Amino acid sequence: MQLWVGLGNPGAKYAANRHNIGFMAVDRIAADHGFAPWRKGYQGQVSEGRFGAARVLLLKPETFMNLSGQSVRAAADFYKIPVEEITVFHDELDLAPGKCRLKQGGGHAGHNGLRSIHQHMGEAYARVRLGIGHPGDKNRVANYVLADFAKAEADWLDDLLRGISDGAPALAAGEGSKFLNAVALCTAPPRASTGTKPEAVKPAGPRAKPEPKPVPKENAEPEDTRSALEKLADKFKR
């Protein structure tokens, strides 16, 4: 079994926050792929389903972000899931809005939810890093991540969540590149060509042969250009 954790804060107050994009990701996966209804468990909400032979438990910790590791540890211990089979979906300030990256292991980069998971599980779990952009000033970060997504961000956010859902079967199969390709197809679809095909050059038909120039006959008399009256007068002279 795999454990996929979406990070966020519980309650309607935080539901549309940038910090809750991890919750949004696993909610979309559960809805699109027919997972079981969400239920309480392991200090959070859980939903179970399959991608082919791969069994996946989705988890949304309800401990608030800073204590997410408690919920992750409770679920992992109950199902005996090794840390290498855990994937965490979380917001990423260092990625542009709508970008997605996949990473195995590494530091927490100051993210409080990841820091808590590090404390309880170590650092060897996988992360799906979901770009939300940076406010440009570290002093504004807390207010920025705890603010709702702007209406102008709705399109790219929906594209990103749709791409994550489309790529979920590949992620479950351990095919990270295919997962990222599925996301990219939704967030940056290939543009249709706007060029026009050059017109086909029609093969030239047979050239018309030029009219042959008349060849002058030897000893031919010069052409008589006199008028009829002049010709008649000439006869009377003879």
Protein backbone atom coordinates (compact mmCIF):
# COMPACT_ATOMS: atom_id res chain seq x y z
CA MET A 1 0.00 0.00 0.00
CA GLN A 2 1.05 3.59 -0.71
CA LEU A 3 0.22 6.61 1.44
CA TRP A 4 -0.46 9.90 -0.36
CA VAL A 5 -0.67 12.88 1.98
CA GLY A 6 -2.16 16.25 1.05
CA LEU A 7 -1.01 19.05 3.33
CA GLY A 8 -3.26 21.87 4.52
CA ASN A 9 -5.23 23.20 7.45
CA PRO A 10 -8.69 21.87 8.39
CA GLY A 11 -11.88 23.94 8.35
CA ALA A 12 -13.80 26.15 5.94
CA LYS A 13 -11.73 29.19 6.95
CA TYR A 14 -8.65 27.71 5.27
CA ALA A 15 -10.22 25.67 2.49
CA ALA A 16 -9.30 28.02 -0.39
CA ASN A 17 -5.90 29.09 0.99
CA ARG A 18 -2.75 28.70 -1.10
CA HIS A 19 -1.36 26.66 1.79
CA ASN A 20 -4.16 24.12 1.23
CA ILE A 21 -3.31 23.16 -2.35
CA GLY A 22 -2.20 19.74 -1.04
CA PHE A 23 -5.71 19.10 0.28
CA MET A 24 -7.12 20.22 -3.07
CA ALA A 25 -4.88 17.79 -4.96
CA VAL A 26 -5.91 14.67 -3.04
CA ASP A 27 -9.57 15.78 -3.05
CA ARG A 28 -9.43 15.94 -6.86
CA ILE A 29 -7.79 12.52 -7.11
CA ALA A 30 -10.41 10.94 -4.84
CA ALA A 31 -13.30 12.51 -6.77
CA ASP A 32 -12.02 11.68 -10.25
CA HIS A 33 -10.96 8.09 -9.58
CA GLY A 34 -13.87 6.78 -7.54
CA PHE A 35 -12.12 6.45 -4.19
CA ALA A 36 -14.15 5.58 -1.10
CA PRO A 37 -15.90 8.45 0.73
CA TRP A 38 -13.70 10.39 3.12
CA ARG A 39 -13.84 9.19 6.72
CA LYS A 40 -12.17 10.17 9.97
CA GLY A 41 -9.05 8.29 10.93
CA TYR A 42 -5.42 8.69 12.04
CA GLN A 43 -5.92 12.29 13.21
CA GLY A 44 -7.21 13.26 9.81
CA GLN A 45 -9.50 12.32 6.93
CA VAL A 46 -8.75 9.25 4.81
CA SER A 47 -10.01 7.79 1.55
CA GLU A 48 -8.89 4.53 -0.05
CA GLY A 49 -8.80 3.39 -3.65
CA ARG A 50 -6.80 1.61 -6.35
CA PHE A 51 -4.96 2.29 -9.55
CA GLY A 52 -4.85 -1.15 -11.09
CA ALA A 53 -2.90 -3.33 -8.68
CA ALA A 54 -1.66 -0.35 -6.67
CA ARG A 55 -3.59 0.29 -3.46
CA VAL A 56 -3.45 3.90 -2.28
CA LEU A 57 -4.57 5.53 0.98
CA LEU A 58 -5.18 9.28 0.74
CA LEU A 59 -4.72 11.30 3.92
CA LYS A 60 -5.57 14.88 4.87
CA PRO A 61 -4.13 15.54 8.36
CA GLU A 62 -6.43 17.55 10.65
CA THR A 63 -3.71 18.38 13.14
CA PHE A 64 -3.05 21.74 11.47
CA MET A 65 0.01 22.15 9.26
CA ASN A 66 2.67 22.38 11.94
CA LEU A 67 1.76 18.95 13.40
CA SER A 68 1.11 17.07 10.14
CA GLY A 69 3.73 14.47 10.98
CA GLN A 70 1.63 13.08 13.83
CA SER A 71 -1.17 12.11 11.47
CA VAL A 72 1.21 10.72 8.85
CA ARG A 73 2.97 8.60 11.46
CA ALA A 74 -0.33 7.23 12.80
CA ALA A 75 -1.51 6.10 9.35
CA ALA A 76 1.90 4.73 8.33
CA ASP A 77 2.22 2.73 11.56
CA PHE A 78 -1.27 1.22 11.30
CA TYR A 79 -0.82 0.05 7.70
CA LYS A 80 2.91 -0.66 8.11
CA ILE A 81 3.76 1.61 5.20
CA PRO A 82 7.50 2.30 4.80
CA VAL A 83 8.59 5.91 4.40
CA GLU A 84 9.67 5.24 0.80
CA GLU A 85 6.01 4.52 -0.09
CA ILE A 86 4.80 7.90 1.21
CA THR A 87 4.18 10.80 -1.17
CA VAL A 88 3.35 14.28 0.14
CA PHE A 89 1.53 16.92 -1.95
CA HIS A 90 2.37 20.43 -0.76
CA ASP A 91 2.57 24.10 -1.74
CA GLU A 92 5.93 25.35 -3.00
CA LEU A 93 6.92 29.03 -2.81
CA ASP A 94 10.03 28.54 -4.93
CA LEU A 95 8.07 27.38 -7.99
CA ALA A 96 6.09 29.62 -10.31
CA PRO A 97 2.30 29.29 -10.03
CA GLY A 98 1.05 26.20 -11.82
CA LYS A 99 4.42 24.44 -11.99
CA CYS A 100 4.84 20.92 -10.60
CA ARG A 101 7.96 19.01 -9.60
CA LEU A 102 8.52 15.53 -8.19
CA LYS A 103 11.25 14.89 -5.66
CA GLN A 104 12.39 11.94 -3.52
CA GLY A 105 13.96 12.82 -0.19
CA GLY A 106 15.81 16.01 0.68
CA GLY A 107 15.28 18.90 3.07
CA HIS A 108 12.07 20.65 4.11
CA ALA A 109 13.14 24.15 2.96
CA GLY A 110 11.38 25.74 5.94
CA HIS A 111 7.93 24.30 5.12
CA ASN A 112 6.29 23.66 8.49
CA GLY A 113 4.29 20.66 7.32
CA LEU A 114 7.36 18.96 5.85
CA ARG A 115 9.40 19.84 8.91
CA SER A 116 6.88 17.98 11.07
CA ILE A 117 6.91 14.94 8.79
CA HIS A 118 10.72 14.96 8.88
CA GLN A 119 10.58 14.82 12.67
CA HIS A 120 8.23 11.81 12.68
CA MET A 121 9.22 9.88 9.54
CA GLY A 122 12.65 11.04 8.39
CA GLU A 123 13.27 12.64 4.98
CA ALA A 124 13.14 9.73 2.52
CA TYR A 125 9.51 10.24 1.42
CA ALA A 126 8.54 11.61 -2.01
CA ARG A 127 7.12 15.09 -2.54
CA VAL A 128 4.91 16.51 -5.25
CA ARG A 129 5.83 20.20 -5.13
CA LEU A 130 3.01 22.44 -6.33
CA GLY A 131 4.07 25.94 -7.31
CA ILE A 132 2.16 28.89 -5.84
CA GLY A 133 4.79 31.58 -6.46
CA HIS A 134 6.47 33.88 -3.95
CA PRO A 135 5.15 37.25 -2.74
CA GLY A 136 8.62 38.74 -3.23
CA ASP A 137 9.25 39.60 0.43
CA LYS A 138 9.87 36.97 3.10
CA ASN A 139 8.01 39.10 5.62
CA ARG A 140 4.84 38.68 3.56
CA VAL A 141 5.06 34.89 3.19
CA ALA A 142 2.80 33.96 6.13
CA ASN A 143 -0.04 36.20 4.99
CA TYR A 144 0.46 35.13 1.38
CA VAL A 145 0.17 31.37 1.94
CA LEU A 146 -2.77 31.80 4.32
CA ALA A 147 -4.67 33.95 1.80
CA ASP A 148 -7.16 32.49 -0.66
CA PHE A 149 -6.22 31.99 -4.29
CA ALA A 150 -7.26 35.01 -6.33
CA LYS A 151 -10.04 34.66 -8.90
CA ALA A 152 -7.47 35.34 -11.62
CA GLU A 153 -5.63 32.17 -10.53
CA ALA A 154 -8.62 29.86 -10.95
CA ASP A 155 -7.77 28.72 -14.47
CA TRP A 156 -4.19 27.64 -13.86
CA LEU A 157 -5.14 26.09 -10.52
CA ASP A 158 -7.84 23.95 -12.16
CA ASP A 159 -5.44 22.94 -14.95
CA LEU A 160 -2.83 21.89 -12.38
CA LEU A 161 -5.27 19.84 -10.29
CA ARG A 162 -6.67 18.18 -13.42
CA GLY A 163 -3.17 17.28 -14.56
CA ILE A 164 -2.32 15.77 -11.17
CA SER A 165 -5.47 13.67 -11.31
CA ASP A 166 -4.77 12.57 -14.90
CA GLY A 167 -1.25 11.55 -13.95
CA ALA A 168 -2.16 9.80 -10.69
CA PRO A 169 -2.17 6.25 -12.19
CA ALA A 170 1.37 6.79 -13.50
CA LEU A 171 2.50 8.13 -10.12
CA ALA A 172 1.08 5.06 -8.39
CA ALA A 173 2.95 2.85 -10.87
CA GLY A 174 6.24 4.59 -10.04
CA GLU A 175 6.42 6.27 -13.45
CA GLY A 176 7.37 9.77 -12.38
CA SER A 177 8.16 11.08 -15.85
CA LYS A 178 4.77 9.99 -17.18
CA PHE A 179 3.10 11.68 -14.21
CA LEU A 180 4.88 14.96 -14.92
CA ASN A 181 4.06 14.66 -18.63
CA ALA A 182 0.37 14.33 -17.79
CA VAL A 183 0.56 17.45 -15.66
CA ALA A 184 2.39 19.33 -18.40
CA LEU A 185 -0.24 18.41 -21.00
CA CYS A 186 -2.85 20.18 -18.87
CA THR A 187 -0.81 23.14 -17.69
CA ALA A 188 1.12 23.83 -20.91
CA PRO A 189 -0.67 22.05 -23.77
CA PRO A 190 1.12 22.04 -27.12
CA ARG A 191 0.00 24.92 -29.29
CA ALA A 192 -1.64 24.21 -32.59
CA SER A 193 0.47 25.22 -35.55
CA THR A 194 -0.52 28.56 -37.02
CA GLY A 195 1.60 28.19 -40.11
CA THR A 196 0.19 27.39 -43.53
CA LYS A 197 1.41 24.67 -45.77
CA PRO A 198 3.12 25.92 -48.89
CA GLU A 199 1.05 25.47 -51.98
CA ALA A 200 2.05 22.46 -54.00
CA VAL A 201 3.97 23.37 -57.10
CA LYS A 202 2.15 22.02 -60.09
CA PRO A 203 4.38 20.15 -62.52
CA ALA A 204 4.90 22.10 -65.66
CA GLY A 205 3.13 20.74 -68.71
CA PRO A 206 4.84 20.15 -72.01
CA ARG A 207 6.04 23.36 -73.53
CA ALA A 208 4.44 24.44 -76.76
CA LYS A 209 6.87 24.11 -79.62
CA PRO A 210 7.61 27.41 -81.31
CA GLU A 211 6.39 27.80 -84.87
CA PRO A 212 9.25 27.03 -87.19
CA LYS A 213 10.51 29.99 -89.14
CA PRO A 214 10.04 29.61 -92.86
CA VAL A 215 13.24 28.74 -94.61
CA PRO A 216 13.70 30.83 -97.78
CA LYS A 217 13.86 28.73 -100.94
CA GLU A 218 16.86 29.07 -103.18
CA ASN A 219 16.30 31.29 -106.27
CA ALA A 220 12.84 32.17 -105.00
CA GLU A 221 11.34 35.24 -106.63
CA PRO A 222 10.95 38.25 -104.38
CA GLU A 223 7.46 38.86 -103.22
CA ASP A 224 5.44 41.20 -105.53
CA THR A 225 4.18 44.04 -103.43
CA ARG A 226 2.65 46.13 -106.29
CA SER A 227 -1.00 47.08 -106.35
CA ALA A 228 -3.38 45.51 -108.85
CA LEU A 229 -3.49 48.73 -110.89
CA GLU A 230 0.28 48.84 -111.09
CA LYS A 231 0.41 45.23 -112.23
CA LEU A 232 -2.18 45.93 -114.96
CA ALA A 233 -0.26 49.00 -116.19
CA ASP A 234 2.90 46.94 -116.40
CA LYS A 235 1.20 44.49 -118.79
CA PHE A 236 0.35 47.27 -121.21
CA LYS A 237 3.99 48.35 -121.26
CA ARG A 238 5.10 44.99 -122.58
